[in-house]
Amino acid sequence: MRAKKLVAPILWTLITIILCFGWMLGVVYSAFSDGIAVSWLAVAVVGIPLLICAGISLYVMIERIKEIRSGEEDDLGQY
C-alpha cells in the first residue's frame, strides 16, 4: 500500500527535474546556435535558479517519502 503512495512524489519530482534541465539546455542551445554572444554569466543566470529548483524538488521528495514511511499521511499532524 505504501509503495503506491511513493509513486506520485517520485514521478512528479522526476518530471520537474527533467523539465528544469530540458528548459536550461534549450535556452543554452538556442543561445549558442543562433550565434548570440552569450557569456557564461548569462548561462549561469539561467542555470543556477533551475539547479536550485531541481535541488529543492529532490529535498521535498525525500521529506515526503519520510512522511509516508513514518505513517503520517499529511502535514496537518504537525500543527
PDB file of N, CA and C in Angstrom:
ATOM      1  N   MET A   1       0.824  -1.204   0.000  1.00  0.00           N
ATOM      2  CA  MET A   1       0.000   0.000   0.000  1.00  0.00           C
ATOM      3  C   MET A   1       0.865   1.264   0.000  1.00  0.00           C
ATOM      4  N   ARG A   2       1.933   1.248   0.803  1.00  0.00           N
ATOM      5  CA  ARG A   2       2.799   2.430   0.848  1.00  0.00           C
ATOM      6  C   ARG A   2       3.541   2.651  -0.461  1.00  0.00           C
ATOM      7  N   ALA A   3       3.817   1.565  -1.175  1.00  0.00           N
ATOM      8  CA  ALA A   3       4.534   1.705  -2.446  1.00  0.00           C
ATOM      9  C   ALA A   3       3.723   2.527  -3.440  1.00  0.00           C
ATOM     10  N   LYS A   4       2.409   2.388  -3.408  1.00  0.00           N
ATOM     11  CA  LYS A   4       1.561   3.187  -4.297  1.00  0.00           C
ATOM     12  C   LYS A   4       1.642   4.660  -3.952  1.00  0.00           C
ATOM     13  N   LYS A   5       1.785   4.968  -2.678  1.00  0.00           N
ATOM     14  CA  LYS A   5       1.861   6.364  -2.251  1.00  0.00           C
ATOM     15  C   LYS A   5       3.202   6.991  -2.594  1.00  0.00           C
ATOM     16  N   LEU A   6       4.217   6.168  -2.807  1.00  0.00           N
ATOM     17  CA  LEU A   6       5.539   6.688  -3.152  1.00  0.00           C
ATOM     18  C   LEU A   6       5.666   7.020  -4.639  1.00  0.00           C
ATOM     19  N   VAL A   7       4.797   6.480  -5.452  1.00  0.00           N
ATOM     20  CA  VAL A   7       4.907   6.664  -6.903  1.00  0.00           C
ATOM     21  C   VAL A   7       4.712   8.126  -7.286  1.00  0.00           C
ATOM     22  N   ALA A   8       3.686   8.765  -6.758  1.00  0.00           N
ATOM     23  CA  ALA A   8       3.376  10.147  -7.161  1.00  0.00           C
ATOM     24  C   ALA A   8       4.490  11.130  -6.820  1.00  0.00           C
ATOM     25  N   PRO A   9       5.025  11.164  -5.589  1.00  0.00           N
ATOM     26  CA  PRO A   9       6.111  12.117  -5.325  1.00  0.00           C
ATOM     27  C   PRO A   9       7.345  11.875  -6.188  1.00  0.00           C
ATOM     28  N   ILE A  10       7.681  10.609  -6.401  1.00  0.00           N
ATOM     29  CA  ILE A  10       8.855  10.301  -7.211  1.00  0.00           C
ATOM     30  C   ILE A  10       8.615  10.694  -8.665  1.00  0.00           C
ATOM     31  N   LEU A  11       7.436  10.385  -9.172  1.00  0.00           N
ATOM     32  CA  LEU A  11       7.112  10.717 -10.563  1.00  0.00           C
ATOM     33  C   LEU A  11       7.120  12.224 -10.795  1.00  0.00           C
ATOM     34  N   TRP A  12       6.477  12.979  -9.921  1.00  0.00           N
ATOM     35  CA  TRP A  12       6.430  14.435 -10.088  1.00  0.00           C
ATOM     36  C   TRP A  12       7.807  15.075  -9.932  1.00  0.00           C
ATOM     37  N   THR A  13       8.631  14.515  -9.052  1.00  0.00           N
ATOM     38  CA  THR A  13       9.989  15.043  -8.907  1.00  0.00           C
ATOM     39  C   THR A  13      10.791  14.794 -10.180  1.00  0.00           C
ATOM     40  N   LEU A  14      10.681  13.603 -10.730  1.00  0.00           N
ATOM     41  CA  LEU A  14      11.390  13.312 -11.983  1.00  0.00           C
ATOM     42  C   LEU A  14      10.916  14.209 -13.118  1.00  0.00           C
ATOM     43  N   ILE A  15       9.613  14.423 -13.214  1.00  0.00           N
ATOM     44  CA  ILE A  15       9.079  15.305 -14.256  1.00  0.00           C
ATOM     45  C   ILE A  15       9.611  16.726 -14.071  1.00  0.00           C
ATOM     46  N   THR A  16       9.615  17.212 -12.834  1.00  0.00           N
ATOM     47  CA  THR A  16      10.107  18.569 -12.550  1.00  0.00           C
ATOM     48  C   THR A  16      11.577  18.703 -12.917  1.00  0.00           C
ATOM     49  N   ILE A  17      12.387  17.726 -12.540  1.00  0.00           N
ATOM     50  CA  ILE A  17      13.821  17.792 -12.828  1.00  0.00           C
ATOM     51  C   ILE A  17      14.070  17.703 -14.329  1.00  0.00           C
ATOM     52  N   ILE A  18      13.354  16.830 -15.019  1.00  0.00           N
ATOM     53  CA  ILE A  18      13.521  16.719 -16.469  1.00  0.00           C
ATOM     54  C   ILE A  18      13.135  18.029 -17.155  1.00  0.00           C
ATOM     55  N   LEU A  19      12.049  18.652 -16.707  1.00  0.00           N
ATOM     56  CA  LEU A  19      11.636  19.925 -17.300  1.00  0.00           C
ATOM     57  C   LEU A  19      12.645  21.030 -17.007  1.00  0.00           C
ATOM     58  N   CYS A  20      13.172  21.072 -15.788  1.00  0.00           N
ATOM     59  CA  CYS A  20      14.166  22.100 -15.446  1.00  0.00           C
ATOM     60  C   CYS A  20      15.410  21.965 -16.309  1.00  0.00           C
ATOM     61  N   PHE A  21      15.955  20.743 -16.399  1.00  0.00           N
ATOM     62  CA  PHE A  21      17.157  20.549 -17.197  1.00  0.00           C
ATOM     63  C   PHE A  21      16.876  20.707 -18.687  1.00  0.00           C
ATOM     64  N   GLY A  22      15.711  20.272 -19.125  1.00  0.00           N
ATOM     65  CA  GLY A  22      15.356  20.448 -20.531  1.00  0.00           C
ATOM     66  C   GLY A  22      15.251  21.910 -20.908  1.00  0.00           C
ATOM     67  N   TRP A  23      14.628  22.685 -20.037  1.00  0.00           N
ATOM     68  CA  TRP A  23      14.499  24.113 -20.291  1.00  0.00           C
ATOM     69  C   TRP A  23      15.873  24.778 -20.305  1.00  0.00           C
ATOM     70  N   MET A  24      16.714  24.417 -19.341  1.00  0.00           N
ATOM     71  CA  MET A  24      18.046  25.001 -19.262  1.00  0.00           C
ATOM     72  C   MET A  24      18.854  24.654 -20.511  1.00  0.00           C
ATOM     73  N   LEU A  25      18.814  23.396 -20.925  1.00  0.00           N
ATOM     74  CA  LEU A  25      19.548  23.004 -22.117  1.00  0.00           C
ATOM     75  C   LEU A  25      18.988  23.676 -23.368  1.00  0.00           C
ATOM     76  N   GLY A  26      17.672  23.832 -23.423  1.00  0.00           N
ATOM     77  CA  GLY A  26      17.063  24.508 -24.561  1.00  0.00           C
ATOM     78  C   GLY A  26      17.475  25.960 -24.663  1.00  0.00           C
ATOM     79  N   VAL A  27      17.508  26.654 -23.548  1.00  0.00           N
ATOM     80  CA  VAL A  27      17.911  28.059 -23.543  1.00  0.00           C
ATOM     81  C   VAL A  27      19.373  28.187 -23.951  1.00  0.00           C
ATOM     82  N   VAL A  28      20.222  27.355 -23.373  1.00  0.00           N
ATOM     83  CA  VAL A  28      21.648  27.432 -23.691  1.00  0.00           C
ATOM     84  C   VAL A  28      21.893  27.057 -25.155  1.00  0.00           C
ATOM     85  N   TYR A  29      21.257  25.996 -25.622  1.00  0.00           N
ATOM     86  CA  TYR A  29      21.445  25.568 -27.010  1.00  0.00           C
ATOM     87  C   TYR A  29      20.962  26.629 -27.994  1.00  0.00           C
ATOM     88  N   SER A  30      19.786  27.203 -27.729  1.00  0.00           N
ATOM     89  CA  SER A  30      19.264  28.195 -28.663  1.00  0.00           C
ATOM     90  C   SER A  30      20.122  29.456 -28.664  1.00  0.00           C
ATOM     91  N   ALA A  31      20.663  29.810 -27.520  1.00  0.00           N
ATOM     92  CA  ALA A  31      21.516  30.999 -27.460  1.00  0.00           C
ATOM     93  C   ALA A  31      22.804  30.785 -28.247  1.00  0.00           C
ATOM     94  N   PHE A  32      23.415  29.618 -28.099  1.00  0.00           N
ATOM     95  CA  PHE A  32      24.667  29.361 -28.794  1.00  0.00           C
ATOM     96  C   PHE A  32      24.458  29.048 -30.273  1.00  0.00           C
ATOM     97  N   SER A  33      23.352  28.415 -30.629  1.00  0.00           N
ATOM     98  CA  SER A  33      23.147  28.058 -32.024  1.00  0.00           C
ATOM     99  C   SER A  33      22.741  29.255 -32.877  1.00  0.00           C
ATOM    100  N   ASP A  34      22.146  30.273 -32.270  1.00  0.00           N
ATOM    101  CA  ASP A  34      21.763  31.465 -33.017  1.00  0.00           C
ATOM    102  C   ASP A  34      22.931  32.416 -33.233  1.00  0.00           C
ATOM    103  N   GLY A  35      24.069  32.084 -32.662  1.00  0.00           N
ATOM    104  CA  GLY A  35      25.239  32.927 -32.829  1.00  0.00           C
ATOM    105  C   GLY A  35      25.247  34.123 -31.894  1.00  0.00           C
ATOM    106  N   ILE A  36      24.373  34.136 -30.937  1.00  0.00           N
ATOM    107  CA  ILE A  36      24.344  35.234 -29.972  1.00  0.00           C
ATOM    108  C   ILE A  36      25.554  35.094 -29.064  1.00  0.00           C
ATOM    109  N   ALA A  37      26.229  36.171 -28.850  1.00  0.00           N
ATOM    110  CA  ALA A  37      27.395  36.151 -27.974  1.00  0.00           C
ATOM    111  C   ALA A  37      26.909  36.081 -26.529  1.00  0.00           C
ATOM    112  N   VAL A  38      26.845  34.887 -26.033  1.00  0.00           N
ATOM    113  CA  VAL A  38      26.343  34.657 -24.680  1.00  0.00           C
ATOM    114  C   VAL A  38      27.527  34.410 -23.762  1.00  0.00           C
ATOM    115  N   SER A  39      27.597  35.173 -22.720  1.00  0.00           N
ATOM    116  CA  SER A  39      28.663  34.958 -21.763  1.00  0.00           C
ATOM    117  C   SER A  39      28.261  33.835 -20.808  1.00  0.00           C
ATOM    118  N   TRP A  40      29.242  33.292 -20.161  1.00  0.00           N
ATOM    119  CA  TRP A  40      28.953  32.240 -19.191  1.00  0.00           C
ATOM    120  C   TRP A  40      28.171  32.788 -18.015  1.00  0.00           C
ATOM    121  N   LEU A  41      28.271  34.082 -17.781  1.00  0.00           N
ATOM    122  CA  LEU A  41      27.481  34.700 -16.720  1.00  0.00           C
ATOM    123  C   LEU A  41      25.992  34.610 -17.049  1.00  0.00           C
ATOM    124  N   ALA A  42      25.643  34.846 -18.304  1.00  0.00           N
ATOM    125  CA  ALA A  42      24.243  34.754 -18.710  1.00  0.00           C
ATOM    126  C   ALA A  42      23.734  33.319 -18.596  1.00  0.00           C
ATOM    127  N   VAL A  43      24.576  32.364 -18.957  1.00  0.00           N
ATOM    128  CA  VAL A  43      24.198  30.956 -18.820  1.00  0.00           C
ATOM    129  C   VAL A  43      24.014  30.604 -17.351  1.00  0.00           C
ATOM    130  N   ALA A  44      24.862  31.132 -16.492  1.00  0.00           N
ATOM    131  CA  ALA A  44      24.745  30.870 -15.055  1.00  0.00           C
ATOM    132  C   ALA A  44      23.475  31.491 -14.489  1.00  0.00           C
ATOM    133  N   VAL A  45      23.110  32.670 -14.994  1.00  0.00           N
ATOM    134  CA  VAL A  45      21.890  33.333 -14.511  1.00  0.00           C
ATOM    135  C   VAL A  45      20.669  32.489 -14.843  1.00  0.00           C
ATOM    136  N   VAL A  46      20.697  31.811 -15.958  1.00  0.00           N
ATOM    137  CA  VAL A  46      19.582  30.926 -16.326  1.00  0.00           C
ATOM    138  C   VAL A  46      19.702  29.591 -15.589  1.00  0.00           C
ATOM    139  N   GLY A  47      20.907  29.058 -15.499  1.00  0.00           N
ATOM    140  CA  GLY A  47      21.104  27.708 -14.974  1.00  0.00           C
ATOM    141  C   GLY A  47      21.021  27.571 -13.478  1.00  0.00           C
ATOM    142  N   ILE A  48      21.537  28.538 -12.736  1.00  0.00           N
ATOM    143  CA  ILE A  48      21.569  28.410 -11.274  1.00  0.00           C
ATOM    144  C   ILE A  48      20.174  28.340 -10.671  1.00  0.00           C
ATOM    145  N   PRO A  49      19.225  29.196 -11.042  1.00  0.00           N
ATOM    146  CA  PRO A  49      17.876  29.034 -10.469  1.00  0.00           C
ATOM    147  C   PRO A  49      17.226  27.694 -10.819  1.00  0.00           C
ATOM    148  N   LEU A  50      17.497  27.189 -12.015  1.00  0.00           N
ATOM    149  CA  LEU A  50      16.930  25.899 -12.387  1.00  0.00           C
ATOM    150  C   LEU A  50      17.567  24.762 -11.601  1.00  0.00           C
ATOM    151  N   LEU A  51      18.859  24.842 -11.336  1.00  0.00           N
ATOM    152  CA  LEU A  51      19.512  23.845 -10.495  1.00  0.00           C
ATOM    153  C   LEU A  51      18.991  23.912  -9.066  1.00  0.00           C
ATOM    154  N   ILE A  52      18.743  25.110  -8.572  1.00  0.00           N
ATOM    155  CA  ILE A  52      18.176  25.276  -7.237  1.00  0.00           C
ATOM    156  C   ILE A  52      16.775  24.668  -7.189  1.00  0.00           C
ATOM    157  N   CYS A  53      15.996  24.891  -8.228  1.00  0.00           N
ATOM    158  CA  CYS A  53      14.648  24.310  -8.321  1.00  0.00           C
ATOM    159  C   CYS A  53      14.716  22.782  -8.280  1.00  0.00           C
ATOM    160  N   ALA A  54      15.641  22.200  -9.008  1.00  0.00           N
ATOM    161  CA  ALA A  54      15.785  20.750  -9.021  1.00  0.00           C
ATOM    162  C   ALA A  54      16.217  20.239  -7.646  1.00  0.00           C
ATOM    163  N   GLY A  55      17.120  20.946  -6.994  1.00  0.00           N
ATOM    164  CA  GLY A  55      17.562  20.550  -5.655  1.00  0.00           C
ATOM    165  C   GLY A  55      16.458  20.620  -4.624  1.00  0.00           C
ATOM    166  N   ILE A  56      15.666  21.669  -4.687  1.00  0.00           N
ATOM    167  CA  ILE A  56      14.540  21.807  -3.764  1.00  0.00           C
ATOM    168  C   ILE A  56      13.516  20.706  -4.012  1.00  0.00           C
ATOM    169  N   SER A  57      13.292  20.375  -5.260  1.00  0.00           N
ATOM    170  CA  SER A  57      12.356  19.295  -5.591  1.00  0.00           C
ATOM    171  C   SER A  57      12.826  17.969  -4.999  1.00  0.00           C
ATOM    172  N   LEU A  58      14.122  17.691  -5.105  1.00  0.00           N
ATOM    173  CA  LEU A  58      14.661  16.467  -4.509  1.00  0.00           C
ATOM    174  C   LEU A  58      14.501  16.470  -2.992  1.00  0.00           C
ATOM    175  N   TYR A  59      14.774  17.596  -2.365  1.00  0.00           N
ATOM    176  CA  TYR A  59      14.641  17.700  -0.911  1.00  0.00           C
ATOM    177  C   TYR A  59      13.195  17.454  -0.471  1.00  0.00           C
ATOM    178  N   VAL A  60      12.250  18.069  -1.163  1.00  0.00           N
ATOM    179  CA  VAL A  60      10.839  17.903  -0.821  1.00  0.00           C
ATOM    180  C   VAL A  60      10.401  16.455  -1.032  1.00  0.00           C
ATOM    181  N   MET A  61      10.899  15.817  -2.097  1.00  0.00           N
ATOM    182  CA  MET A  61      10.557  14.417  -2.339  1.00  0.00           C
ATOM    183  C   MET A  61      11.071  13.533  -1.207  1.00  0.00           C
ATOM    184  N   ILE A  62      12.292  13.760  -0.770  1.00  0.00           N
ATOM    185  CA  ILE A  62      12.860  12.962   0.320  1.00  0.00           C
ATOM    186  C   ILE A  62      12.059  13.161   1.605  1.00  0.00           C
ATOM    187  N   GLU A  63      11.684  14.396   1.905  1.00  0.00           N
ATOM    188  CA  GLU A  63      10.867  14.655   3.085  1.00  0.00           C
ATOM    189  C   GLU A  63       9.504  13.982   2.991  1.00  0.00           C
ATOM    190  N   ARG A  64       8.897  13.997   1.817  1.00  0.00           N
ATOM    191  CA  ARG A  64       7.587  13.358   1.637  1.00  0.00           C
ATOM    192  C   ARG A  64       7.688  11.847   1.798  1.00  0.00           C
ATOM    193  N   ILE A  65       8.764  11.251   1.280  1.00  0.00           N
ATOM    194  CA  ILE A  65       8.965   9.816   1.441  1.00  0.00           C
ATOM    195  C   ILE A  65       9.129   9.461   2.919  1.00  0.00           C
ATOM    196  N   LYS A  66       9.845  10.291   3.668  1.00  0.00           N
ATOM    197  CA  LYS A  66       9.994  10.061   5.106  1.00  0.00           C
ATOM    198  C   LYS A  66       8.635  10.123   5.804  1.00  0.00           C
ATOM    199  N   GLU A  67       7.796  11.087   5.406  1.00  0.00           N
ATOM    200  CA  GLU A  67       6.468  11.200   5.999  1.00  0.00           C
ATOM    201  C   GLU A  67       5.618   9.972   5.696  1.00  0.00           C
ATOM    202  N   ILE A  68       5.675   9.499   4.479  1.00  0.00           N
ATOM    203  CA  ILE A  68       4.877   8.331   4.101  1.00  0.00           C
ATOM    204  C   ILE A  68       5.356   7.100   4.863  1.00  0.00           C
ATOM    205  N   ARG A  69       6.654   6.927   4.978  1.00  0.00           N
ATOM    206  CA  ARG A  69       7.191   5.761   5.684  1.00  0.00           C
ATOM    207  C   ARG A  69       6.901   5.810   7.181  1.00  0.00           C
ATOM    208  N   SER A  70       6.805   7.006   7.749  1.00  0.00           N
ATOM    209  CA  SER A  70       6.509   7.105   9.179  1.00  0.00           C
ATOM    210  C   SER A  70       5.025   6.921   9.458  1.00  0.00           C
ATOM    211  N   GLY A  71       4.216   6.886   8.412  1.00  0.00           N
ATOM    212  CA  GLY A  71       2.789   6.659   8.588  1.00  0.00           C
ATOM    213  C   GLY A  71       1.977   7.928   8.663  1.00  0.00           C
ATOM    214  N   GLU A  72       2.611   9.065   8.590  1.00  0.00           N
ATOM    215  CA  GLU A  72       1.890  10.334   8.634  1.00  0.00           C
ATOM    216  C   GLU A  72       1.388  10.662   7.223  1.00  0.00           C
ATOM    217  N   GLU A  73       0.104  10.773   7.073  1.00  0.00           N
ATOM    218  CA  GLU A  73      -0.482  10.931   5.750  1.00  0.00           C
ATOM    219  C   GLU A  73      -0.437  12.358   5.221  1.00  0.00           C
ATOM    220  N   ASP A  74      -0.479  13.336   6.102  1.00  0.00           N
ATOM    221  CA  ASP A  74      -0.445  14.721   5.645  1.00  0.00           C
ATOM    222  C   ASP A  74       0.341  15.566   6.639  1.00  0.00           C
ATOM    223  N   ASP A  75       0.576  16.803   6.268  1.00  0.00           N
ATOM    224  CA  ASP A  75       1.354  17.694   7.115  1.00  0.00           C
ATOM    225  C   ASP A  75       0.541  18.312   8.238  1.00  0.00           C
ATOM    226  N   LEU A  76      -0.753  18.146   8.228  1.00  0.00           N
ATOM    227  CA  LEU A  76      -1.597  18.769   9.249  1.00  0.00           C
ATOM    228  C   LEU A  76      -1.337  18.205  10.639  1.00  0.00           C
ATOM    229  N   GLY A  77      -0.778  17.017  10.721  1.00  0.00           N
ATOM    230  CA  GLY A  77      -0.485  16.417  12.022  1.00  0.00           C
ATOM    231  C   GLY A  77       0.594  17.163  12.791  1.00  0.00           C
ATOM    232  N   GLN A  78       1.336  18.026  12.114  1.00  0.00           N
ATOM    233  CA  GLN A  78       2.409  18.780  12.778  1.00  0.00           C
ATOM    234  C   GLN A  78       1.901  20.021  13.473  1.00  0.00           C
ATOM    235  N   TYR A  79       0.629  20.396  13.237  1.00  0.00           N
ATOM    236  CA  TYR A  79       0.136  21.657  13.772  1.00  0.00           C
ATOM    237  C   TYR A  79      -0.948  21.446  14.782  1.00  0.00           C
TER     238      TYR A  79
END
